[in-house]
Amino acid sequence: MEPNETPKRATLTIAEAAEVLGISKSLAYKQADEGKIPTIRLGDRWVVPRAQLERLINGNADASAALKCEKVA
């Protein structure tokens, strides 16, 4: 990483994941609720792990089987 470069965030919001996937926010929330988009609960927020989303996009079967994780303080 370059000295002035901002590190890439490890997670995305569900809305950001929708944009990456090219789907509507409402569909992304529905898919996340059904466990079809991997999510992690951080406090009262749901986030999408970037690495799992990239594996899902690239067709890795392990990512598509990801389930919601429990609260991570």
PDB file of N, CA and C in Angstrom:
ATOM      1  N   MET A   1       0.841  -1.171   0.000  1.00  0.00           N
ATOM      2  CA  MET A   1       0.000   0.000   0.000  1.00  0.00           C
ATOM      3  C   MET A   1       0.890   1.239   0.000  1.00  0.00           C
ATOM      4  N   GLU A   2       0.514   2.224  -0.775  1.00  0.00           N
ATOM      5  CA  GLU A   2       1.253   3.474  -0.862  1.00  0.00           C
ATOM      6  C   GLU A   2       1.086   4.263   0.440  1.00  0.00           C
ATOM      7  N   PRO A   3       2.030   5.140   0.795  1.00  0.00           N
ATOM      8  CA  PRO A   3       1.960   5.894   2.057  1.00  0.00           C
ATOM      9  C   PRO A   3       0.669   6.686   2.249  1.00  0.00           C
ATOM     10  N   ASN A   4       0.131   7.313   1.228  1.00  0.00           N
ATOM     11  CA  ASN A   4      -1.072   8.128   1.369  1.00  0.00           C
ATOM     12  C   ASN A   4      -2.339   7.407   0.919  1.00  0.00           C
ATOM     13  N   GLU A   5      -2.232   6.128   0.658  1.00  0.00           N
ATOM     14  CA  GLU A   5      -3.368   5.357   0.156  1.00  0.00           C
ATOM     15  C   GLU A   5      -4.243   4.901   1.324  1.00  0.00           C
ATOM     16  N   THR A   6      -5.543   5.061   1.174  1.00  0.00           N
ATOM     17  CA  THR A   6      -6.491   4.612   2.181  1.00  0.00           C
ATOM     18  C   THR A   6      -6.674   3.103   2.033  1.00  0.00           C
ATOM     19  N   PRO A   7      -6.639   2.366   3.148  1.00  0.00           N
ATOM     20  CA  PRO A   7      -6.831   0.917   3.035  1.00  0.00           C
ATOM     21  C   PRO A   7      -8.245   0.579   2.568  1.00  0.00           C
ATOM     22  N   LYS A   8      -8.378  -0.512   1.825  1.00  0.00           N
ATOM     23  CA  LYS A   8      -9.671  -0.968   1.332  1.00  0.00           C
ATOM     24  C   LYS A   8     -10.450  -1.529   2.527  1.00  0.00           C
ATOM     25  N   ARG A   9     -11.698  -1.088   2.668  1.00  0.00           N
ATOM     26  CA  ARG A   9     -12.528  -1.587   3.771  1.00  0.00           C
ATOM     27  C   ARG A   9     -12.783  -3.077   3.597  1.00  0.00           C
ATOM     28  N   ALA A  10     -12.826  -3.787   4.701  1.00  0.00           N
ATOM     29  CA  ALA A  10     -13.059  -5.229   4.677  1.00  0.00           C
ATOM     30  C   ALA A  10     -14.528  -5.569   4.490  1.00  0.00           C
ATOM     31  N   THR A  11     -15.404  -4.595   4.734  1.00  0.00           N
ATOM     32  CA  THR A  11     -16.842  -4.846   4.617  1.00  0.00           C
ATOM     33  C   THR A  11     -17.505  -3.755   3.796  1.00  0.00           C
ATOM     34  N   LEU A  12     -18.686  -4.088   3.284  1.00  0.00           N
ATOM     35  CA  LEU A  12     -19.527  -3.146   2.537  1.00  0.00           C
ATOM     36  C   LEU A  12     -20.891  -3.088   3.219  1.00  0.00           C
ATOM     37  N   THR A  13     -21.584  -1.996   3.025  1.00  0.00           N
ATOM     38  CA  THR A  13     -22.985  -1.975   3.438  1.00  0.00           C
ATOM     39  C   THR A  13     -23.774  -2.829   2.453  1.00  0.00           C
ATOM     40  N   ILE A  14     -24.980  -3.173   2.834  1.00  0.00           N
ATOM     41  CA  ILE A  14     -25.808  -3.954   1.910  1.00  0.00           C
ATOM     42  C   ILE A  14     -26.105  -3.125   0.657  1.00  0.00           C
ATOM     43  N   ALA A  15     -26.293  -1.819   0.829  1.00  0.00           N
ATOM     44  CA  ALA A  15     -26.531  -0.946  -0.331  1.00  0.00           C
ATOM     45  C   ALA A  15     -25.318  -0.928  -1.258  1.00  0.00           C
ATOM     46  N   GLU A  16     -24.107  -0.887  -0.700  1.00  0.00           N
ATOM     47  CA  GLU A  16     -22.898  -0.919  -1.519  1.00  0.00           C
ATOM     48  C   GLU A  16     -22.764  -2.258  -2.227  1.00  0.00           C
ATOM     49  N   ALA A  17     -23.098  -3.344  -1.531  1.00  0.00           N
ATOM     50  CA  ALA A  17     -23.042  -4.672  -2.149  1.00  0.00           C
ATOM     51  C   ALA A  17     -24.042  -4.753  -3.305  1.00  0.00           C
ATOM     52  N   ALA A  18     -25.215  -4.131  -3.134  1.00  0.00           N
ATOM     53  CA  ALA A  18     -26.214  -4.111  -4.210  1.00  0.00           C
ATOM     54  C   ALA A  18     -25.641  -3.441  -5.444  1.00  0.00           C
ATOM     55  N   GLU A  19     -24.939  -2.339  -5.232  1.00  0.00           N
ATOM     56  CA  GLU A  19     -24.345  -1.620  -6.356  1.00  0.00           C
ATOM     57  C   GLU A  19     -23.302  -2.490  -7.064  1.00  0.00           C
ATOM     58  N   VAL A  20     -22.467  -3.179  -6.295  1.00  0.00           N
ATOM     59  CA  VAL A  20     -21.448  -4.056  -6.868  1.00  0.00           C
ATOM     60  C   VAL A  20     -22.106  -5.172  -7.679  1.00  0.00           C
ATOM     61  N   LEU A  21     -23.200  -5.709  -7.148  1.00  0.00           N
ATOM     62  CA  LEU A  21     -23.892  -6.815  -7.803  1.00  0.00           C
ATOM     63  C   LEU A  21     -24.794  -6.367  -8.950  1.00  0.00           C
ATOM     64  N   GLY A  22     -25.076  -5.073  -9.016  1.00  0.00           N
ATOM     65  CA  GLY A  22     -25.955  -4.571 -10.073  1.00  0.00           C
ATOM     66  C   GLY A  22     -27.414  -4.905  -9.839  1.00  0.00           C
ATOM     67  N   ILE A  23     -27.818  -4.937  -8.560  1.00  0.00           N
ATOM     68  CA  ILE A  23     -29.215  -5.213  -8.216  1.00  0.00           C
ATOM     69  C   ILE A  23     -29.741  -4.059  -7.363  1.00  0.00           C
ATOM     70  N   SER A  24     -31.048  -4.025  -7.167  1.00  0.00           N
ATOM     71  CA  SER A  24     -31.640  -2.964  -6.359  1.00  0.00           C
ATOM     72  C   SER A  24     -31.317  -3.181  -4.883  1.00  0.00           C
ATOM     73  N   LYS A  25     -31.398  -2.094  -4.115  1.00  0.00           N
ATOM     74  CA  LYS A  25     -31.163  -2.207  -2.674  1.00  0.00           C
ATOM     75  C   LYS A  25     -32.192  -3.127  -2.030  1.00  0.00           C
ATOM     76  N   SER A  26     -33.447  -3.005  -2.457  1.00  0.00           N
ATOM     77  CA  SER A  26     -34.485  -3.839  -1.834  1.00  0.00           C
ATOM     78  C   SER A  26     -34.240  -5.317  -2.102  1.00  0.00           C
ATOM     79  N   LEU A  27     -33.799  -5.659  -3.309  1.00  0.00           N
ATOM     80  CA  LEU A  27     -33.490  -7.059  -3.607  1.00  0.00           C
ATOM     81  C   LEU A  27     -32.277  -7.518  -2.791  1.00  0.00           C
ATOM     82  N   ALA A  28     -31.291  -6.657  -2.644  1.00  0.00           N
ATOM     83  CA  ALA A  28     -30.100  -7.018  -1.866  1.00  0.00           C
ATOM     84  C   ALA A  28     -30.475  -7.293  -0.409  1.00  0.00           C
ATOM     85  N   TYR A  29     -31.334  -6.439   0.175  1.00  0.00           N
ATOM     86  CA  TYR A  29     -31.768  -6.672   1.557  1.00  0.00           C
ATOM     87  C   TYR A  29     -32.537  -7.982   1.667  1.00  0.00           C
ATOM     88  N   LYS A  30     -33.376  -8.265   0.682  1.00  0.00           N
ATOM     89  CA  LYS A  30     -34.145  -9.529   0.681  1.00  0.00           C
ATOM     90  C   LYS A  30     -33.194 -10.722   0.588  1.00  0.00           C
ATOM     91  N   GLN A  31     -32.227 -10.651  -0.331  1.00  0.00           N
ATOM     92  CA  GLN A  31     -31.269 -11.746  -0.509  1.00  0.00           C
ATOM     93  C   GLN A  31     -30.404 -11.927   0.742  1.00  0.00           C
ATOM     94  N   ALA A  32     -30.019 -10.824   1.373  1.00  0.00           N
ATOM     95  CA  ALA A  32     -29.237 -10.898   2.613  1.00  0.00           C
ATOM     96  C   ALA A  32     -30.070 -11.546   3.719  1.00  0.00           C
ATOM     97  N   ASP A  33     -31.334 -11.166   3.813  1.00  0.00           N
ATOM     98  CA  ASP A  33     -32.222 -11.735   4.823  1.00  0.00           C
ATOM     99  C   ASP A  33     -32.407 -13.232   4.627  1.00  0.00           C
ATOM    100  N   GLU A  34     -32.391 -13.683   3.375  1.00  0.00           N
ATOM    101  CA  GLU A  34     -32.545 -15.104   3.065  1.00  0.00           C
ATOM    102  C   GLU A  34     -31.225 -15.865   3.130  1.00  0.00           C
ATOM    103  N   GLY A  35     -30.118 -15.158   3.421  1.00  0.00           N
ATOM    104  CA  GLY A  35     -28.813 -15.810   3.519  1.00  0.00           C
ATOM    105  C   GLY A  35     -28.127 -16.033   2.184  1.00  0.00           C
ATOM    106  N   LYS A  36     -28.642 -15.441   1.123  1.00  0.00           N
ATOM    107  CA  LYS A  36     -28.049 -15.622  -0.207  1.00  0.00           C
ATOM    108  C   LYS A  36     -26.893 -14.662  -0.456  1.00  0.00           C
ATOM    109  N   ILE A  37     -26.851 -13.574   0.306  1.00  0.00           N
ATOM    110  CA  ILE A  37     -25.702 -12.670   0.327  1.00  0.00           C
ATOM    111  C   ILE A  37     -25.112 -12.795   1.723  1.00  0.00           C
ATOM    112  N   PRO A  38     -23.816 -13.101   1.842  1.00  0.00           N
ATOM    113  CA  PRO A  38     -23.213 -13.294   3.168  1.00  0.00           C
ATOM    114  C   PRO A  38     -23.199 -11.987   3.964  1.00  0.00           C
ATOM    115  N   THR A  39     -23.586 -12.073   5.230  1.00  0.00           N
ATOM    116  CA  THR A  39     -23.611 -10.900   6.086  1.00  0.00           C
ATOM    117  C   THR A  39     -23.045 -11.218   7.466  1.00  0.00           C
ATOM    118  N   ILE A  40     -22.612 -10.161   8.143  1.00  0.00           N
ATOM    119  CA  ILE A  40     -22.150 -10.247   9.524  1.00  0.00           C
ATOM    120  C   ILE A  40     -22.867  -9.147  10.287  1.00  0.00           C
ATOM    121  N   ARG A  41     -23.314  -9.444  11.491  1.00  0.00           N
ATOM    122  CA  ARG A  41     -23.958  -8.428  12.317  1.00  0.00           C
ATOM    123  C   ARG A  41     -22.906  -7.781  13.204  1.00  0.00           C
ATOM    124  N   LEU A  42     -22.771  -6.465  13.101  1.00  0.00           N
ATOM    125  CA  LEU A  42     -21.868  -5.687  13.943  1.00  0.00           C
ATOM    126  C   LEU A  42     -22.721  -4.704  14.725  1.00  0.00           C
ATOM    127  N   GLY A  43     -22.974  -5.016  15.975  1.00  0.00           N
ATOM    128  CA  GLY A  43     -23.882  -4.177  16.762  1.00  0.00           C
ATOM    129  C   GLY A  43     -25.263  -4.253  16.155  1.00  0.00           C
ATOM    130  N   ASP A  44     -25.807  -3.101  15.760  1.00  0.00           N
ATOM    131  CA  ASP A  44     -27.139  -3.099  15.142  1.00  0.00           C
ATOM    132  C   ASP A  44     -27.078  -2.983  13.620  1.00  0.00           C
ATOM    133  N   ARG A  45     -25.872  -3.140  13.056  1.00  0.00           N
ATOM    134  CA  ARG A  45     -25.687  -3.027  11.600  1.00  0.00           C
ATOM    135  C   ARG A  45     -25.375  -4.385  10.983  1.00  0.00           C
ATOM    136  N   TRP A  46     -25.848  -4.580   9.760  1.00  0.00           N
ATOM    137  CA  TRP A  46     -25.481  -5.736   8.960  1.00  0.00           C
ATOM    138  C   TRP A  46     -24.490  -5.265   7.911  1.00  0.00           C
ATOM    139  N   VAL A  47     -23.375  -5.964   7.776  1.00  0.00           N
ATOM    140  CA  VAL A  47     -22.388  -5.632   6.752  1.00  0.00           C
ATOM    141  C   VAL A  47     -22.076  -6.878   5.933  1.00  0.00           C
ATOM    142  N   VAL A  48     -21.538  -6.655   4.757  1.00  0.00           N
ATOM    143  CA  VAL A  48     -21.206  -7.737   3.840  1.00  0.00           C
ATOM    144  C   VAL A  48     -19.683  -7.833   3.756  1.00  0.00           C
ATOM    145  N   PRO A  49     -19.111  -8.982   4.164  1.00  0.00           N
ATOM    146  CA  PRO A  49     -17.656  -9.141   4.047  1.00  0.00           C
ATOM    147  C   PRO A  49     -17.234  -9.100   2.574  1.00  0.00           C
ATOM    148  N   ARG A  50     -16.329  -8.190   2.261  1.00  0.00           N
ATOM    149  CA  ARG A  50     -15.885  -7.999   0.875  1.00  0.00           C
ATOM    150  C   ARG A  50     -15.323  -9.296   0.278  1.00  0.00           C
ATOM    151  N   ALA A  51     -14.500 -10.010   1.030  1.00  0.00           N
ATOM    152  CA  ALA A  51     -13.868 -11.229   0.503  1.00  0.00           C
ATOM    153  C   ALA A  51     -14.922 -12.283   0.154  1.00  0.00           C
ATOM    154  N   GLN A  52     -15.938 -12.455   1.012  1.00  0.00           N
ATOM    155  CA  GLN A  52     -16.981 -13.444   0.722  1.00  0.00           C
ATOM    156  C   GLN A  52     -17.824 -13.020  -0.478  1.00  0.00           C
ATOM    157  N   LEU A  53     -18.090 -11.716  -0.591  1.00  0.00           N
ATOM    158  CA  LEU A  53     -18.857 -11.240  -1.746  1.00  0.00           C
ATOM    159  C   LEU A  53     -18.077 -11.479  -3.036  1.00  0.00           C
ATOM    160  N   GLU A  54     -16.779 -11.226  -3.005  1.00  0.00           N
ATOM    161  CA  GLU A  54     -15.950 -11.458  -4.195  1.00  0.00           C
ATOM    162  C   GLU A  54     -15.913 -12.933  -4.558  1.00  0.00           C
ATOM    163  N   ARG A  55     -15.845 -13.820  -3.551  1.00  0.00           N
ATOM    164  CA  ARG A  55     -15.883 -15.264  -3.829  1.00  0.00           C
ATOM    165  C   ARG A  55     -17.231 -15.647  -4.433  1.00  0.00           C
ATOM    166  N   LEU A  56     -18.304 -15.065  -3.915  1.00  0.00           N
ATOM    167  CA  LEU A  56     -19.637 -15.340  -4.450  1.00  0.00           C
ATOM    168  C   LEU A  56     -19.728 -14.907  -5.914  1.00  0.00           C
ATOM    169  N   ILE A  57     -19.213 -13.732  -6.205  1.00  0.00           N
ATOM    170  CA  ILE A  57     -19.229 -13.214  -7.579  1.00  0.00           C
ATOM    171  C   ILE A  57     -18.406 -14.105  -8.505  1.00  0.00           C
ATOM    172  N   ASN A  58     -17.289 -14.602  -7.994  1.00  0.00           N
ATOM    173  CA  ASN A  58     -16.400 -15.429  -8.807  1.00  0.00           C
ATOM    174  C   ASN A  58     -16.843 -16.886  -8.890  1.00  0.00           C
ATOM    175  N   GLY A  59     -17.979 -17.215  -8.283  1.00  0.00           N
ATOM    176  CA  GLY A  59     -18.540 -18.547  -8.418  1.00  0.00           C
ATOM    177  C   GLY A  59     -18.027 -19.584  -7.451  1.00  0.00           C
ATOM    178  N   ASN A  60     -17.388 -19.168  -6.372  1.00  0.00           N
ATOM    179  CA  ASN A  60     -16.905 -20.109  -5.371  1.00  0.00           C
ATOM    180  C   ASN A  60     -18.091 -20.634  -4.576  1.00  0.00           C
ATOM    181  N   ALA A  61     -18.300 -21.933  -4.580  1.00  0.00           N
ATOM    182  CA  ALA A  61     -19.452 -22.549  -3.920  1.00  0.00           C
ATOM    183  C   ALA A  61     -19.462 -22.316  -2.415  1.00  0.00           C
ATOM    184  N   ASP A  62     -18.303 -22.211  -1.776  1.00  0.00           N
ATOM    185  CA  ASP A  62     -18.253 -22.007  -0.334  1.00  0.00           C
ATOM    186  C   ASP A  62     -18.916 -20.700   0.066  1.00  0.00           C
ATOM    187  N   ALA A  63     -18.752 -19.661  -0.714  1.00  0.00           N
ATOM    188  CA  ALA A  63     -19.329 -18.361  -0.386  1.00  0.00           C
ATOM    189  C   ALA A  63     -20.840 -18.393  -0.493  1.00  0.00           C
ATOM    190  N   SER A  64     -21.368 -19.139  -1.448  1.00  0.00           N
ATOM    191  CA  SER A  64     -22.810 -19.170  -1.613  1.00  0.00           C
ATOM    192  C   SER A  64     -23.495 -19.914  -0.481  1.00  0.00           C
ATOM    193  N   ALA A  65     -22.752 -20.696   0.272  1.00  0.00           N
ATOM    194  CA  ALA A  65     -23.313 -21.423   1.407  1.00  0.00           C
ATOM    195  C   ALA A  65     -23.167 -20.639   2.698  1.00  0.00           C
ATOM    196  N   ALA A  66     -22.610 -19.439   2.638  1.00  0.00           N
ATOM    197  CA  ALA A  66     -22.389 -18.638   3.858  1.00  0.00           C
ATOM    198  C   ALA A  66     -23.708 -18.256   4.485  1.00  0.00           C
ATOM    199  N   LEU A  67     -23.735 -18.338   5.813  1.00  0.00           N
ATOM    200  CA  LEU A  67     -24.918 -17.957   6.560  1.00  0.00           C
ATOM    201  C   LEU A  67     -24.627 -16.719   7.384  1.00  0.00           C
ATOM    202  N   LYS A  68     -25.663 -16.060   7.858  1.00  0.00           N
ATOM    203  CA  LYS A  68     -25.482 -14.891   8.710  1.00  0.00           C
ATOM    204  C   LYS A  68     -24.769 -15.307   9.993  1.00  0.00           C
ATOM    205  N   CYS A  69     -23.843 -14.490  10.422  1.00  0.00           N
ATOM    206  CA  CYS A  69     -23.144 -14.722  11.672  1.00  0.00           C
ATOM    207  C   CYS A  69     -23.865 -14.003  12.793  1.00  0.00           C
ATOM    208  N   GLU A  70     -23.608 -14.413  14.010  1.00  0.00           N
ATOM    209  CA  GLU A  70     -24.200 -13.773  15.165  1.00  0.00           C
ATOM    210  C   GLU A  70     -23.511 -12.455  15.464  1.00  0.00           C
ATOM    211  N   LYS A  71     -24.044 -11.735  16.408  1.00  0.00           N
ATOM    212  CA  LYS A  71     -23.539 -10.424  16.800  1.00  0.00           C
ATOM    213  C   LYS A  71     -22.069 -10.486  17.150  1.00  0.00           C
ATOM    214  N   VAL A  72     -21.291  -9.513  16.647  1.00  0.00           N
ATOM    215  CA  VAL A  72     -19.858  -9.420  16.903  1.00  0.00           C
ATOM    216  C   VAL A  72     -19.577  -8.125  17.651  1.00  0.00           C
ATOM    217  N   ALA A  73     -20.169  -7.900  18.750  1.00  0.00           N
ATOM    218  CA  ALA A  73     -19.994  -6.666  19.545  1.00  0.00           C
ATOM    219  C   ALA A  73     -19.383  -5.630  18.699  1.00  0.00           C
TER     220      ALA A  73
END
